[in-house]
Amino acid sequence: MLNEWITSADGTLIYLYYYDVKNPKAVLQFAHGMGEHAGRYHDFFTFLQSKGIRVVANDHRGHGKTGEKMGVMGFYPGATVRKTPTSKQGESQVV
């Protein structure tokens, strides 16, 4: 497992979890739910990794290590849907 910080398009530091395998059967981009963080799923990610699945996950803004770094946990002021672009909007940066 590799953990690292990546920088989003607006400069926010996002905590990334990366469980790599050589020649993966599949790649899973994991999105955690409300009120939790991706670190909770370490055992599950390790299991998937042992089955040849590459897993990539991150702690969303206001959650887990990303929230700790921001100094804001859970809901945060100024949050809008417009700050979370999707591919339907033609945005290449999703984080």
Protein backbone atom coordinates (compact mmCIF):
# COMPACT_ATOMS: atom_id res chain seq x y z
CA MET A 1 0.00 0.00 0.00
CA LEU A 2 1.16 3.49 -0.85
CA ASN A 3 -0.24 6.53 0.94
CA GLU A 4 0.46 9.99 -0.37
CA TRP A 5 -0.89 13.51 -0.61
CA ILE A 6 -2.05 14.80 -3.97
CA THR A 7 -2.97 18.38 -4.77
CA SER A 8 -6.39 19.08 -6.29
CA ALA A 9 -6.96 21.69 -8.99
CA ASP A 10 -7.86 24.31 -6.36
CA GLY A 11 -4.79 23.54 -4.22
CA THR A 12 -6.51 21.41 -1.56
CA LEU A 13 -4.35 18.54 -0.30
CA ILE A 14 -6.18 15.21 -0.67
CA TYR A 15 -5.02 12.03 1.09
CA LEU A 16 -4.68 9.07 -1.31
CA TYR A 17 -4.60 5.32 -0.63
CA TYR A 18 -3.11 3.19 -3.40
CA TYR A 19 -3.02 -0.62 -3.25
CA ASP A 20 -1.06 -1.66 -6.32
CA VAL A 21 -0.65 -5.04 -7.99
CA LYS A 22 1.26 -6.04 -11.10
CA ASN A 23 -0.98 -6.89 -14.05
CA PRO A 24 -4.26 -6.16 -12.24
CA LYS A 25 -7.42 -8.09 -13.13
CA ALA A 26 -9.39 -4.94 -12.39
CA VAL A 27 -8.99 -1.45 -10.95
CA LEU A 28 -11.37 -0.21 -8.27
CA GLN A 29 -11.76 3.53 -7.63
CA PHE A 30 -13.39 3.56 -4.19
CA ALA A 31 -15.54 6.40 -2.85
CA HIS A 32 -16.41 6.26 0.85
CA GLY A 33 -19.76 7.33 2.30
CA MET A 34 -20.86 10.23 4.48
CA GLY A 35 -19.35 10.44 7.94
CA GLU A 36 -16.46 8.06 7.28
CA HIS A 37 -13.08 7.81 5.54
CA ALA A 38 -11.31 5.40 3.20
CA GLY A 39 -8.88 4.28 5.91
CA ARG A 40 -11.72 2.27 7.48
CA TYR A 41 -11.53 -0.12 4.53
CA HIS A 42 -7.85 -1.11 4.81
CA ASP A 43 -8.59 -4.79 5.49
CA PHE A 44 -11.05 -4.95 2.58
CA PHE A 45 -8.60 -3.22 0.24
CA THR A 46 -5.83 -5.61 1.28
CA PHE A 47 -8.15 -8.55 0.53
CA LEU A 48 -8.95 -7.16 -2.93
CA GLN A 49 -5.25 -6.55 -3.54
CA SER A 50 -4.53 -10.21 -2.67
CA LYS A 51 -7.04 -11.19 -5.38
CA GLY A 52 -5.24 -9.15 -8.04
CA ILE A 53 -7.35 -5.99 -7.87
CA ARG A 54 -5.68 -2.57 -7.80
CA VAL A 55 -7.49 -0.20 -5.42
CA VAL A 56 -7.33 3.58 -5.42
CA ALA A 57 -9.21 5.57 -2.77
CA ASN A 58 -9.02 8.96 -1.12
CA ASP A 59 -10.34 10.74 1.94
CA HIS A 60 -12.86 13.27 0.62
CA ARG A 61 -12.75 16.90 1.69
CA GLY A 62 -13.68 17.17 5.36
CA HIS A 63 -13.09 13.45 6.00
CA GLY A 64 -10.25 11.38 7.44
CA LYS A 65 -6.73 12.65 6.94
CA THR A 66 -7.88 15.19 4.33
CA GLY A 67 -10.26 16.71 6.89
CA GLU A 68 -7.56 16.75 9.56
CA LYS A 69 -5.21 18.58 7.17
CA MET A 70 -7.96 21.09 6.27
CA GLY A 71 -8.82 21.61 9.94
CA VAL A 72 -12.47 20.94 9.14
CA MET A 73 -14.22 17.62 9.69
CA GLY A 74 -17.57 16.66 8.15
CA PHE A 75 -19.52 19.44 6.49
CA TYR A 76 -17.50 22.55 5.71
CA PRO A 77 -18.45 26.12 4.85
CA GLY A 78 -18.55 27.06 1.20
CA ALA A 79 -19.19 23.53 -0.05
CA THR A 80 -21.05 23.55 -3.32
CA VAL A 81 -21.78 21.06 -6.04
CA ARG A 82 -19.96 23.35 -8.47
CA LYS A 83 -16.70 22.67 -6.59
CA THR A 84 -17.07 18.95 -7.36
CA PRO A 85 -17.04 18.73 -11.16
CA THR A 86 -18.13 15.58 -12.96
CA SER A 87 -17.26 14.18 -16.35
CA LYS A 88 -20.73 15.17 -17.61
CA GLN A 89 -19.59 18.77 -17.25
CA GLY A 90 -16.53 18.02 -19.33
CA GLU A 91 -14.13 18.56 -16.43
CA SER A 92 -10.93 16.54 -16.43
CA GLN A 93 -10.17 17.19 -12.74
CA VAL A 94 -12.56 15.38 -10.42
CA VAL A 95 -10.65 15.48 -7.12
